[in-house]
Amino acid sequence: MPTSTSDLLAARAVDVKVTNDELTVQLEDGRTLAVPLVWYPRLLHGSKRERARWRFIGRGVGIHWPSLDEDISVEGLLAGRRSAESQESLKRWFEARMSARPNKRIQPTARRARRG
């Protein structure tokens, strides 16, 4: 189906669903876009909760995931564009993400803390 530039720019999302392997975006004109999650590594590595926390940008021209720092445009989805993030940038993001997570195995419990 050919899509004109004006169609790309006018397309707006009305709903978003993210599964373990797919991003699905419903457009206001009735079309549904589904792309593999591997196209967007930050979504792929995000938790279910992080993937569920999204909001529209510009009344549906884009989608933003605050805790993953990910933005995806409807125009980009329609054009079949994958994430253009460099491997180096993704590596830095992933390392920062891992270092920010508390390691529950080494956190002292209240019981251990009392034992001294």
PDB file of N, CA and C in Angstrom:
ATOM      1  N   MET A   1       0.845  -1.170   0.000  1.00  0.00           N
ATOM      2  CA  MET A   1       0.000   0.000   0.000  1.00  0.00           C
ATOM      3  C   MET A   1       0.893   1.235   0.000  1.00  0.00           C
ATOM      4  N   PRO A   2       0.884   2.015  -1.087  1.00  0.00           N
ATOM      5  CA  PRO A   2       1.681   3.245  -1.122  1.00  0.00           C
ATOM      6  C   PRO A   2       1.174   4.242  -0.085  1.00  0.00           C
ATOM      7  N   THR A   3       2.098   4.920   0.526  1.00  0.00           N
ATOM      8  CA  THR A   3       1.753   5.920   1.533  1.00  0.00           C
ATOM      9  C   THR A   3       2.457   7.214   1.178  1.00  0.00           C
ATOM     10  N   SER A   4       1.682   8.298   1.072  1.00  0.00           N
ATOM     11  CA  SER A   4       2.274   9.589   0.739  1.00  0.00           C
ATOM     12  C   SER A   4       2.920  10.204   1.970  1.00  0.00           C
ATOM     13  N   THR A   5       3.764  11.190   1.729  1.00  0.00           N
ATOM     14  CA  THR A   5       4.425  11.888   2.838  1.00  0.00           C
ATOM     15  C   THR A   5       3.399  12.537   3.746  1.00  0.00           C
ATOM     16  N   SER A   6       2.339  13.102   3.168  1.00  0.00           N
ATOM     17  CA  SER A   6       1.318  13.748   4.005  1.00  0.00           C
ATOM     18  C   SER A   6       0.584  12.718   4.856  1.00  0.00           C
ATOM     19  N   ASP A   7       0.388  11.491   4.322  1.00  0.00           N
ATOM     20  CA  ASP A   7      -0.230  10.430   5.119  1.00  0.00           C
ATOM     21  C   ASP A   7       0.657  10.044   6.299  1.00  0.00           C
ATOM     22  N   LEU A   8       1.960   9.981   6.052  1.00  0.00           N
ATOM     23  CA  LEU A   8       2.902   9.644   7.124  1.00  0.00           C
ATOM     24  C   LEU A   8       2.858  10.683   8.230  1.00  0.00           C
ATOM     25  N   LEU A   9       2.845  11.947   7.837  1.00  0.00           N
ATOM     26  CA  LEU A   9       2.877  13.030   8.817  1.00  0.00           C
ATOM     27  C   LEU A   9       1.559  13.179   9.560  1.00  0.00           C
ATOM     28  N   ALA A  10       0.437  12.772   8.946  1.00  0.00           N
ATOM     29  CA  ALA A  10      -0.876  12.936   9.557  1.00  0.00           C
ATOM     30  C   ALA A  10      -1.264  11.756  10.444  1.00  0.00           C
ATOM     31  N   ALA A  11      -0.584  10.639  10.323  1.00  0.00           N
ATOM     32  CA  ALA A  11      -0.951   9.436  11.072  1.00  0.00           C
ATOM     33  C   ALA A  11      -0.764   9.647  12.569  1.00  0.00           C
ATOM     34  N   ARG A  12      -1.761   9.212  13.332  1.00  0.00           N
ATOM     35  CA  ARG A  12      -1.720   9.357  14.788  1.00  0.00           C
ATOM     36  C   ARG A  12      -2.109   8.044  15.463  1.00  0.00           C
ATOM     37  N   ALA A  13      -1.405   7.734  16.524  1.00  0.00           N
ATOM     38  CA  ALA A  13      -1.684   6.527  17.304  1.00  0.00           C
ATOM     39  C   ALA A  13      -2.805   6.794  18.297  1.00  0.00           C
ATOM     40  N   VAL A  14      -3.618   5.770  18.531  1.00  0.00           N
ATOM     41  CA  VAL A  14      -4.673   5.871  19.538  1.00  0.00           C
ATOM     42  C   VAL A  14      -4.535   4.811  20.628  1.00  0.00           C
ATOM     43  N   ASP A  15      -3.723   3.783  20.370  1.00  0.00           N
ATOM     44  CA  ASP A  15      -3.493   2.756  21.386  1.00  0.00           C
ATOM     45  C   ASP A  15      -2.163   2.061  21.110  1.00  0.00           C
ATOM     46  N   VAL A  16      -1.565   1.551  22.175  1.00  0.00           N
ATOM     47  CA  VAL A  16      -0.263   0.881  22.090  1.00  0.00           C
ATOM     48  C   VAL A  16      -0.303  -0.362  22.969  1.00  0.00           C
ATOM     49  N   LYS A  17       0.226  -1.445  22.444  1.00  0.00           N
ATOM     50  CA  LYS A  17       0.371  -2.673  23.226  1.00  0.00           C
ATOM     51  C   LYS A  17       1.777  -3.210  22.983  1.00  0.00           C
ATOM     52  N   VAL A  18       2.409  -3.657  24.059  1.00  0.00           N
ATOM     53  CA  VAL A  18       3.749  -4.229  23.953  1.00  0.00           C
ATOM     54  C   VAL A  18       3.728  -5.607  24.603  1.00  0.00           C
ATOM     55  N   THR A  19       4.096  -6.621  23.831  1.00  0.00           N
ATOM     56  CA  THR A  19       4.227  -7.975  24.366  1.00  0.00           C
ATOM     57  C   THR A  19       5.715  -8.286  24.489  1.00  0.00           C
ATOM     58  N   ASN A  20       6.034  -9.506  24.815  1.00  0.00           N
ATOM     59  CA  ASN A  20       7.446  -9.884  24.934  1.00  0.00           C
ATOM     60  C   ASN A  20       8.185  -9.854  23.610  1.00  0.00           C
ATOM     61  N   ASP A  21       7.442  -9.915  22.496  1.00  0.00           N
ATOM     62  CA  ASP A  21       8.131  -9.947  21.209  1.00  0.00           C
ATOM     63  C   ASP A  21       7.564  -9.024  20.145  1.00  0.00           C
ATOM     64  N   GLU A  22       6.565  -8.194  20.490  1.00  0.00           N
ATOM     65  CA  GLU A  22       5.957  -7.352  19.467  1.00  0.00           C
ATOM     66  C   GLU A  22       5.437  -6.026  20.029  1.00  0.00           C
ATOM     67  N   LEU A  23       5.603  -4.979  19.230  1.00  0.00           N
ATOM     68  CA  LEU A  23       5.012  -3.669  19.508  1.00  0.00           C
ATOM     69  C   LEU A  23       3.864  -3.497  18.527  1.00  0.00           C
ATOM     70  N   THR A  24       2.662  -3.257  19.045  1.00  0.00           N
ATOM     71  CA  THR A  24       1.486  -3.071  18.205  1.00  0.00           C
ATOM     72  C   THR A  24       0.916  -1.689  18.473  1.00  0.00           C
ATOM     73  N   VAL A  25       0.700  -0.937  17.389  1.00  0.00           N
ATOM     74  CA  VAL A  25       0.179   0.425  17.499  1.00  0.00           C
ATOM     75  C   VAL A  25      -1.072   0.534  16.636  1.00  0.00           C
ATOM     76  N   GLN A  26      -2.165   0.949  17.266  1.00  0.00           N
ATOM     77  CA  GLN A  26      -3.432   1.167  16.567  1.00  0.00           C
ATOM     78  C   GLN A  26      -3.493   2.635  16.156  1.00  0.00           C
ATOM     79  N   LEU A  27      -3.768   2.894  14.884  1.00  0.00           N
ATOM     80  CA  LEU A  27      -3.859   4.262  14.384  1.00  0.00           C
ATOM     81  C   LEU A  27      -5.308   4.717  14.338  1.00  0.00           C
ATOM     82  N   GLU A  28      -5.504   6.039  14.378  1.00  0.00           N
ATOM     83  CA  GLU A  28      -6.864   6.569  14.401  1.00  0.00           C
ATOM     84  C   GLU A  28      -7.619   6.300  13.105  1.00  0.00           C
ATOM     85  N   ASP A  29      -6.913   6.028  12.009  1.00  0.00           N
ATOM     86  CA  ASP A  29      -7.598   5.735  10.745  1.00  0.00           C
ATOM     87  C   ASP A  29      -7.964   4.257  10.608  1.00  0.00           C
ATOM     88  N   GLY A  30      -7.739   3.463  11.674  1.00  0.00           N
ATOM     89  CA  GLY A  30      -8.129   2.062  11.670  1.00  0.00           C
ATOM     90  C   GLY A  30      -7.004   1.089  11.369  1.00  0.00           C
ATOM     91  N   ARG A  31      -5.884   1.575  10.886  1.00  0.00           N
ATOM     92  CA  ARG A  31      -4.763   0.676  10.613  1.00  0.00           C
ATOM     93  C   ARG A  31      -4.124   0.221  11.918  1.00  0.00           C
ATOM     94  N   THR A  32      -3.545  -0.970  11.872  1.00  0.00           N
ATOM     95  CA  THR A  32      -2.790  -1.510  12.997  1.00  0.00           C
ATOM     96  C   THR A  32      -1.391  -1.840  12.507  1.00  0.00           C
ATOM     97  N   LEU A  33      -0.406  -1.347  13.225  1.00  0.00           N
ATOM     98  CA  LEU A  33       0.994  -1.619  12.898  1.00  0.00           C
ATOM     99  C   LEU A  33       1.546  -2.567  13.945  1.00  0.00           C
ATOM    100  N   ALA A  34       2.239  -3.594  13.493  1.00  0.00           N
ATOM    101  CA  ALA A  34       2.887  -4.530  14.413  1.00  0.00           C
ATOM    102  C   ALA A  34       4.310  -4.744  13.925  1.00  0.00           C
ATOM    103  N   VAL A  35       5.269  -4.518  14.830  1.00  0.00           N
ATOM    104  CA  VAL A  35       6.682  -4.679  14.485  1.00  0.00           C
ATOM    105  C   VAL A  35       7.362  -5.524  15.560  1.00  0.00           C
ATOM    106  N   PRO A  36       8.427  -6.229  15.179  1.00  0.00           N
ATOM    107  CA  PRO A  36       9.147  -7.038  16.170  1.00  0.00           C
ATOM    108  C   PRO A  36       9.816  -6.161  17.225  1.00  0.00           C
ATOM    109  N   LEU A  37       9.760  -6.587  18.457  1.00  0.00           N
ATOM    110  CA  LEU A  37      10.360  -5.817  19.546  1.00  0.00           C
ATOM    111  C   LEU A  37      11.878  -5.729  19.415  1.00  0.00           C
ATOM    112  N   VAL A  38      12.499  -6.660  18.721  1.00  0.00           N
ATOM    113  CA  VAL A  38      13.953  -6.603  18.543  1.00  0.00           C
ATOM    114  C   VAL A  38      14.370  -5.366  17.756  1.00  0.00           C
ATOM    115  N   TRP A  39      13.439  -4.707  17.090  1.00  0.00           N
ATOM    116  CA  TRP A  39      13.748  -3.455  16.395  1.00  0.00           C
ATOM    117  C   TRP A  39      14.066  -2.343  17.382  1.00  0.00           C
ATOM    118  N   TYR A  40      13.592  -2.479  18.616  1.00  0.00           N
ATOM    119  CA  TYR A  40      13.750  -1.435  19.636  1.00  0.00           C
ATOM    120  C   TYR A  40      14.346  -2.062  20.900  1.00  0.00           C
ATOM    121  N   PRO A  41      15.673  -2.137  20.984  1.00  0.00           N
ATOM    122  CA  PRO A  41      16.339  -2.841  22.091  1.00  0.00           C
ATOM    123  C   PRO A  41      15.952  -2.356  23.488  1.00  0.00           C
ATOM    124  N   ARG A  42      15.690  -1.075  23.640  1.00  0.00           N
ATOM    125  CA  ARG A  42      15.321  -0.601  24.985  1.00  0.00           C
ATOM    126  C   ARG A  42      13.986  -1.202  25.417  1.00  0.00           C
ATOM    127  N   LEU A  43      13.051  -1.297  24.495  1.00  0.00           N
ATOM    128  CA  LEU A  43      11.778  -1.950  24.818  1.00  0.00           C
ATOM    129  C   LEU A  43      11.997  -3.442  25.061  1.00  0.00           C
ATOM    130  N   LEU A  44      12.826  -4.048  24.247  1.00  0.00           N
ATOM    131  CA  LEU A  44      13.109  -5.472  24.377  1.00  0.00           C
ATOM    132  C   LEU A  44      13.678  -5.796  25.756  1.00  0.00           C
ATOM    133  N   HIS A  45      14.552  -4.937  26.273  1.00  0.00           N
ATOM    134  CA  HIS A  45      15.188  -5.177  27.571  1.00  0.00           C
ATOM    135  C   HIS A  45      14.404  -4.588  28.743  1.00  0.00           C
ATOM    136  N   GLY A  46      13.306  -3.909  28.462  1.00  0.00           N
ATOM    137  CA  GLY A  46      12.501  -3.335  29.533  1.00  0.00           C
ATOM    138  C   GLY A  46      11.630  -4.382  30.214  1.00  0.00           C
ATOM    139  N   SER A  47      11.253  -4.074  31.435  1.00  0.00           N
ATOM    140  CA  SER A  47      10.350  -4.973  32.164  1.00  0.00           C
ATOM    141  C   SER A  47       8.927  -4.777  31.636  1.00  0.00           C
ATOM    142  N   LYS A  48       8.054  -5.696  31.996  1.00  0.00           N
ATOM    143  CA  LYS A  48       6.643  -5.581  31.614  1.00  0.00           C
ATOM    144  C   LYS A  48       6.071  -4.250  32.106  1.00  0.00           C
ATOM    145  N   ARG A  49       6.420  -3.922  33.320  1.00  0.00           N
ATOM    146  CA  ARG A  49       5.918  -2.683  33.930  1.00  0.00           C
ATOM    147  C   ARG A  49       6.429  -1.453  33.174  1.00  0.00           C
ATOM    148  N   GLU A  50       7.717  -1.451  32.825  1.00  0.00           N
ATOM    149  CA  GLU A  50       8.286  -0.315  32.091  1.00  0.00           C
ATOM    150  C   GLU A  50       7.662  -0.186  30.706  1.00  0.00           C
ATOM    151  N   ARG A  51       7.429  -1.299  30.056  1.00  0.00           N
ATOM    152  CA  ARG A  51       6.804  -1.271  28.727  1.00  0.00           C
ATOM    153  C   ARG A  51       5.369  -0.769  28.782  1.00  0.00           C
ATOM    154  N   ALA A  52       4.692  -1.043  29.886  1.00  0.00           N
ATOM    155  CA  ALA A  52       3.293  -0.627  30.034  1.00  0.00           C
ATOM    156  C   ALA A  52       3.157   0.862  30.346  1.00  0.00           C
ATOM    157  N   ARG A  53       4.236   1.493  30.788  1.00  0.00           N
ATOM    158  CA  ARG A  53       4.203   2.921  31.143  1.00  0.00           C
ATOM    159  C   ARG A  53       4.644   3.759  29.948  1.00  0.00           C
ATOM    160  N   TRP A  54       3.717   4.103  29.087  1.00  0.00           N
ATOM    161  CA  TRP A  54       4.005   4.915  27.913  1.00  0.00           C
ATOM    162  C   TRP A  54       3.020   6.072  27.874  1.00  0.00           C
ATOM    163  N   ARG A  55       3.343   7.059  27.065  1.00  0.00           N
ATOM    164  CA  ARG A  55       2.419   8.178  26.841  1.00  0.00           C
ATOM    165  C   ARG A  55       2.604   8.656  25.406  1.00  0.00           C
ATOM    166  N   PHE A  56       1.570   9.292  24.898  1.00  0.00           N
ATOM    167  CA  PHE A  56       1.657   9.832  23.544  1.00  0.00           C
ATOM    168  C   PHE A  56       2.438  11.135  23.533  1.00  0.00           C
ATOM    169  N   ILE A  57       3.113  11.372  22.438  1.00  0.00           N
ATOM    170  CA  ILE A  57       3.805  12.634  22.180  1.00  0.00           C
ATOM    171  C   ILE A  57       3.033  13.320  21.059  1.00  0.00           C
ATOM    172  N   GLY A  58       2.802  14.621  21.197  1.00  0.00           N
ATOM    173  CA  GLY A  58       2.164  15.383  20.125  1.00  0.00           C
ATOM    174  C   GLY A  58       0.837  14.823  19.660  1.00  0.00           C
ATOM    175  N   ARG A  59      -0.019  14.497  20.604  1.00  0.00           N
ATOM    176  CA  ARG A  59      -1.357  13.985  20.298  1.00  0.00           C
ATOM    177  C   ARG A  59      -1.341  12.731  19.434  1.00  0.00           C
ATOM    178  N   GLY A  60      -0.350  11.886  19.666  1.00  0.00           N
ATOM    179  CA  GLY A  60      -0.327  10.596  18.992  1.00  0.00           C
ATOM    180  C   GLY A  60       0.628  10.466  17.827  1.00  0.00           C
ATOM    181  N   VAL A  61       1.428  11.500  17.544  1.00  0.00           N
ATOM    182  CA  VAL A  61       2.400  11.366  16.447  1.00  0.00           C
ATOM    183  C   VAL A  61       3.617  10.561  16.888  1.00  0.00           C
ATOM    184  N   GLY A  62       3.737  10.355  18.192  1.00  0.00           N
ATOM    185  CA  GLY A  62       4.838   9.556  18.722  1.00  0.00           C
ATOM    186  C   GLY A  62       4.448   8.932  20.044  1.00  0.00           C
ATOM    187  N   ILE A  63       5.304   8.035  20.520  1.00  0.00           N
ATOM    188  CA  ILE A  63       5.080   7.332  21.777  1.00  0.00           C
ATOM    189  C   ILE A  63       6.366   7.436  22.597  1.00  0.00           C
ATOM    190  N   HIS A  64       6.199   7.701  23.898  1.00  0.00           N
ATOM    191  CA  HIS A  64       7.352   7.879  24.789  1.00  0.00           C
ATOM    192  C   HIS A  64       7.229   6.920  25.969  1.00  0.00           C
ATOM    193  N   TRP A  65       8.335   6.250  26.298  1.00  0.00           N
ATOM    194  CA  TRP A  65       8.446   5.391  27.477  1.00  0.00           C
ATOM    195  C   TRP A  65       9.425   6.072  28.424  1.00  0.00           C
ATOM    196  N   PRO A  66       8.937   6.775  29.464  1.00  0.00           N
ATOM    197  CA  PRO A  66       9.812   7.564  30.340  1.00  0.00           C
ATOM    198  C   PRO A  66      10.906   6.759  31.033  1.00  0.00           C
ATOM    199  N   SER A  67      10.577   5.623  31.603  1.00  0.00           N
ATOM    200  CA  SER A  67      11.588   4.879  32.360  1.00  0.00           C
ATOM    201  C   SER A  67      12.609   4.183  31.466  1.00  0.00           C
ATOM    202  N   LEU A  68      12.313   4.061  30.177  1.00  0.00           N
ATOM    203  CA  LEU A  68      13.259   3.460  29.231  1.00  0.00           C
ATOM    204  C   LEU A  68      13.943   4.515  28.369  1.00  0.00           C
ATOM    205  N   ASP A  69      13.507   5.762  28.493  1.00  0.00           N
ATOM    206  CA  ASP A  69      14.036   6.864  27.685  1.00  0.00           C
ATOM    207  C   ASP A  69      13.971   6.512  26.193  1.00  0.00           C
ATOM    208  N   GLU A  70      12.802   6.024  25.773  1.00  0.00           N
ATOM    209  CA  GLU A  70      12.591   5.600  24.384  1.00  0.00           C
ATOM    210  C   GLU A  70      11.471   6.415  23.761  1.00  0.00           C
ATOM    211  N   ASP A  71      11.707   6.897  22.558  1.00  0.00           N
ATOM    212  CA  ASP A  71      10.701   7.619  21.781  1.00  0.00           C
ATOM    213  C   ASP A  71      10.608   6.974  20.410  1.00  0.00           C
ATOM    214  N   ILE A  72       9.384   6.698  19.971  1.00  0.00           N
ATOM    215  CA  ILE A  72       9.166   6.100  18.656  1.00  0.00           C
ATOM    216  C   ILE A  72       8.083   6.905  17.956  1.00  0.00           C
ATOM    217  N   SER A  73       8.362   7.321  16.724  1.00  0.00           N
ATOM    218  CA  SER A  73       7.376   8.088  15.963  1.00  0.00           C
ATOM    219  C   SER A  73       6.509   7.158  15.125  1.00  0.00           C
ATOM    220  N   VAL A  74       5.259   7.535  14.947  1.00  0.00           N
ATOM    221  CA  VAL A  74       4.359   6.785  14.077  1.00  0.00           C
ATOM    222  C   VAL A  74       4.891   6.835  12.649  1.00  0.00           C
ATOM    223  N   GLU A  75       5.402   7.974  12.250  1.00  0.00           N
ATOM    224  CA  GLU A  75       5.995   8.111  10.917  1.00  0.00           C
ATOM    225  C   GLU A  75       7.105   7.079  10.706  1.00  0.00           C
ATOM    226  N   GLY A  76       7.968   6.916  11.701  1.00  0.00           N
ATOM    227  CA  GLY A  76       9.047   5.937  11.615  1.00  0.00           C
ATOM    228  C   GLY A  76       8.529   4.510  11.529  1.00  0.00           C
ATOM    229  N   LEU A  77       7.484   4.213  12.300  1.00  0.00           N
ATOM    230  CA  LEU A  77       6.882   2.881  12.234  1.00  0.00           C
ATOM    231  C   LEU A  77       6.321   2.604  10.846  1.00  0.00           C
ATOM    232  N   LEU A  78       5.603   3.590  10.295  1.00  0.00           N
ATOM    233  CA  LEU A  78       5.026   3.425   8.959  1.00  0.00           C
ATOM    234  C   LEU A  78       6.098   3.258   7.891  1.00  0.00           C
ATOM    235  N   ALA A  79       7.230   3.900   8.091  1.00  0.00           N
ATOM    236  CA  ALA A  79       8.330   3.807   7.126  1.00  0.00           C
ATOM    237  C   ALA A  79       9.171   2.544   7.334  1.00  0.00           C
ATOM    238  N   GLY A  80       8.886   1.790   8.405  1.00  0.00           N
ATOM    239  CA  GLY A  80       9.629   0.560   8.669  1.00  0.00           C
ATOM    240  C   GLY A  80      11.010   0.788   9.242  1.00  0.00           C
ATOM    241  N   ARG A  81      11.180   1.929   9.940  1.00  0.00           N
ATOM    242  CA  ARG A  81      12.493   2.249  10.513  1.00  0.00           C
ATOM    243  C   ARG A  81      12.664   1.604  11.881  1.00  0.00           C
ATOM    244  N   ARG A  82      13.783   0.941  12.044  1.00  0.00           N
ATOM    245  CA  ARG A  82      14.169   0.371  13.338  1.00  0.00           C
ATOM    246  C   ARG A  82      14.868   1.441  14.168  1.00  0.00           C
ATOM    247  N   SER A  83      15.152   1.113  15.411  1.00  0.00           N
ATOM    248  CA  SER A  83      15.934   2.020  16.247  1.00  0.00           C
ATOM    249  C   SER A  83      17.269   2.291  15.569  1.00  0.00           C
ATOM    250  N   ALA A  84      17.665   3.550  15.576  1.00  0.00           N
ATOM    251  CA  ALA A  84      18.948   3.933  14.976  1.00  0.00           C
ATOM    252  C   ALA A  84      20.019   4.137  16.047  1.00  0.00           C
ATOM    253  N   GLU A  85      19.724   3.727  17.270  1.00  0.00           N
ATOM    254  CA  GLU A  85      20.680   3.907  18.364  1.00  0.00           C
ATOM    255  C   GLU A  85      21.932   3.067  18.118  1.00  0.00           C
ATOM    256  N   SER A  86      23.078   3.673  18.333  1.00  0.00           N
ATOM    257  CA  SER A  86      24.343   2.963  18.116  1.00  0.00           C
ATOM    258  C   SER A  86      24.536   1.890  19.188  1.00  0.00           C
ATOM    259  N   GLN A  87      25.331   0.894  18.861  1.00  0.00           N
ATOM    260  CA  GLN A  87      25.639  -0.170  19.814  1.00  0.00           C
ATOM    261  C   GLN A  87      26.346   0.390  21.049  1.00  0.00           C
ATOM    262  N   GLU A  88      27.204   1.381  20.849  1.00  0.00           N
ATOM    263  CA  GLU A  88      27.924   1.991  21.971  1.00  0.00           C
ATOM    264  C   GLU A  88      26.952   2.704  22.915  1.00  0.00           C
ATOM    265  N   SER A  89      26.004   3.449  22.352  1.00  0.00           N
ATOM    266  CA  SER A  89      25.010   4.143  23.164  1.00  0.00           C
ATOM    267  C   SER A  89      24.143   3.143  23.927  1.00  0.00           C
ATOM    268  N   LEU A  90      23.719   2.103  23.238  1.00  0.00           N
ATOM    269  CA  LEU A  90      22.899   1.079  23.878  1.00  0.00           C
ATOM    270  C   LEU A  90      23.674   0.387  24.996  1.00  0.00           C
ATOM    271  N   LYS A  91      24.943   0.131  24.787  1.00  0.00           N
ATOM    272  CA  LYS A  91      25.782  -0.499  25.806  1.00  0.00           C
ATOM    273  C   LYS A  91      25.880   0.391  27.046  1.00  0.00           C
ATOM    274  N   ARG A  92      26.098   1.702  26.845  1.00  0.00           N
ATOM    275  CA  ARG A  92      26.175   2.637  27.985  1.00  0.00           C
ATOM    276  C   ARG A  92      24.850   2.660  28.745  1.00  0.00           C
ATOM    277  N   TRP A  93      23.731   2.692  28.000  1.00  0.00           N
ATOM    278  CA  TRP A  93      22.411   2.709  28.625  1.00  0.00           C
ATOM    279  C   TRP A  93      22.210   1.441  29.451  1.00  0.00           C
ATOM    280  N   PHE A  94      22.564   0.298  28.867  1.00  0.00           N
ATOM    281  CA  PHE A  94      22.367  -0.974  29.540  1.00  0.00           C
ATOM    282  C   PHE A  94      23.231  -1.072  30.797  1.00  0.00           C
ATOM    283  N   GLU A  95      24.486  -0.624  30.722  1.00  0.00           N
ATOM    284  CA  GLU A  95      25.378  -0.651  31.889  1.00  0.00           C
ATOM    285  C   GLU A  95      24.868   0.270  32.992  1.00  0.00           C
ATOM    286  N   ALA A  96      24.402   1.458  32.622  1.00  0.00           N
ATOM    287  CA  ALA A  96      23.850   2.388  33.615  1.00  0.00           C
ATOM    288  C   ALA A  96      22.605   1.796  34.263  1.00  0.00           C
ATOM    289  N   ARG A  97      21.813   1.140  33.483  1.00  0.00           N
ATOM    290  CA  ARG A  97      20.589   0.507  33.976  1.00  0.00           C
ATOM    291  C   ARG A  97      20.922  -0.599  34.977  1.00  0.00           C
ATOM    292  N   MET A  98      21.907  -1.411  34.660  1.00  0.00           N
ATOM    293  CA  MET A  98      22.299  -2.506  35.551  1.00  0.00           C
ATOM    294  C   MET A  98      22.913  -1.981  36.847  1.00  0.00           C
ATOM    295  N   SER A  99      23.706  -0.922  36.772  1.00  0.00           N
ATOM    296  CA  SER A  99      24.333  -0.389  37.983  1.00  0.00           C
ATOM    297  C   SER A  99      23.331   0.353  38.863  1.00  0.00           C
ATOM    298  N   ALA A 100      22.229   0.817  38.291  1.00  0.00           N
ATOM    299  CA  ALA A 100      21.218   1.538  39.065  1.00  0.00           C
ATOM    300  C   ALA A 100      20.286   0.595  39.814  1.00  0.00           C
ATOM    301  N   ARG A 101      20.211  -0.646  39.378  1.00  0.00           N
ATOM    302  CA  ARG A 101      19.328  -1.611  40.039  1.00  0.00           C
ATOM    303  C   ARG A 101      19.984  -2.125  41.310  1.00  0.00           C
ATOM    304  N   PRO A 102      19.253  -2.104  42.408  1.00  0.00           N
ATOM    305  CA  PRO A 102      19.820  -2.659  43.642  1.00  0.00           C
ATOM    306  C   PRO A 102      19.936  -4.174  43.528  1.00  0.00           C
ATOM    307  N   ASN A 103      21.024  -4.694  44.022  1.00  0.00           N
ATOM    308  CA  ASN A 103      21.224  -6.138  44.031  1.00  0.00           C
ATOM    309  C   ASN A 103      20.645  -6.663  45.332  1.00  0.00           C
ATOM    310  N   LYS A 104      19.493  -7.293  45.243  1.00  0.00           N
ATOM    311  CA  LYS A 104      18.784  -7.736  46.445  1.00  0.00           C
ATOM    312  C   LYS A 104      19.549  -8.795  47.226  1.00  0.00           C
ATOM    313  N   ARG A 105      20.403  -9.542  46.545  1.00  0.00           N
ATOM    314  CA  ARG A 105      21.131 -10.603  47.239  1.00  0.00           C
ATOM    315  C   ARG A 105      22.155 -10.057  48.226  1.00  0.00           C
ATOM    316  N   ILE A 106      22.651  -8.858  48.002  1.00  0.00           N
ATOM    317  CA  ILE A 106      23.668  -8.346  48.918  1.00  0.00           C
ATOM    318  C   ILE A 106      23.123  -7.276  49.861  1.00  0.00           C
ATOM    319  N   GLN A 107      21.852  -6.960  49.731  1.00  0.00           N
ATOM    320  CA  GLN A 107      21.249  -5.996  50.639  1.00  0.00           C
ATOM    321  C   GLN A 107      20.994  -6.685  51.981  1.00  0.00           C
ATOM    322  N   PRO A 108      21.423  -6.087  53.084  1.00  0.00           N
ATOM    323  CA  PRO A 108      21.170  -6.727  54.378  1.00  0.00           C
ATOM    324  C   PRO A 108      19.684  -6.670  54.719  1.00  0.00           C
ATOM    325  N   THR A 109      19.162  -7.770  55.185  1.00  0.00           N
ATOM    326  CA  THR A 109      17.781  -7.781  55.647  1.00  0.00           C
ATOM    327  C   THR A 109      17.769  -7.226  57.063  1.00  0.00           C
ATOM    328  N   ALA A 110      16.609  -6.916  57.578  1.00  0.00           N
ATOM    329  CA  ALA A 110      16.506  -6.402  58.946  1.00  0.00           C
ATOM    330  C   ALA A 110      17.059  -7.434  59.931  1.00  0.00           C
ATOM    331  N   ARG A 111      16.803  -8.694  59.666  1.00  0.00           N
ATOM    332  CA  ARG A 111      17.273  -9.764  60.554  1.00  0.00           C
ATOM    333  C   ARG A 111      18.803  -9.839  60.552  1.00  0.00           C
ATOM    334  N   ARG A 112      19.411  -9.773  59.367  1.00  0.00           N
ATOM    335  CA  ARG A 112      20.875  -9.810  59.281  1.00  0.00           C
ATOM    336  C   ARG A 112      21.497  -8.578  59.931  1.00  0.00           C
ATOM    337  N   ALA A 113      20.859  -7.433  59.764  1.00  0.00           N
ATOM    338  CA  ALA A 113      21.393  -6.193  60.328  1.00  0.00           C
ATOM    339  C   ALA A 113      21.429  -6.271  61.858  1.00  0.00           C
ATOM    340  N   ARG A 114      20.434  -6.907  62.461  1.00  0.00           N
ATOM    341  CA  ARG A 114      20.397  -7.033  63.926  1.00  0.00           C
ATOM    342  C   ARG A 114      21.500  -7.955  64.438  1.00  0.00           C
ATOM    343  N   ARG A 115      21.833  -8.958  63.618  1.00  0.00           N
ATOM    344  CA  ARG A 115      22.877  -9.899  64.032  1.00  0.00           C
ATOM    345  C   ARG A 115      24.251  -9.256  64.023  1.00  0.00           C
ATOM    346  N   GLY A 116      24.381  -8.202  63.233  1.00  0.00           N
ATOM    347  CA  GLY A 116      25.615  -7.446  63.208  1.00  0.00           C
ATOM    348  C   GLY A 116      26.678  -8.061  62.455  1.00  0.00           C
TER     349      GLY A 116
END
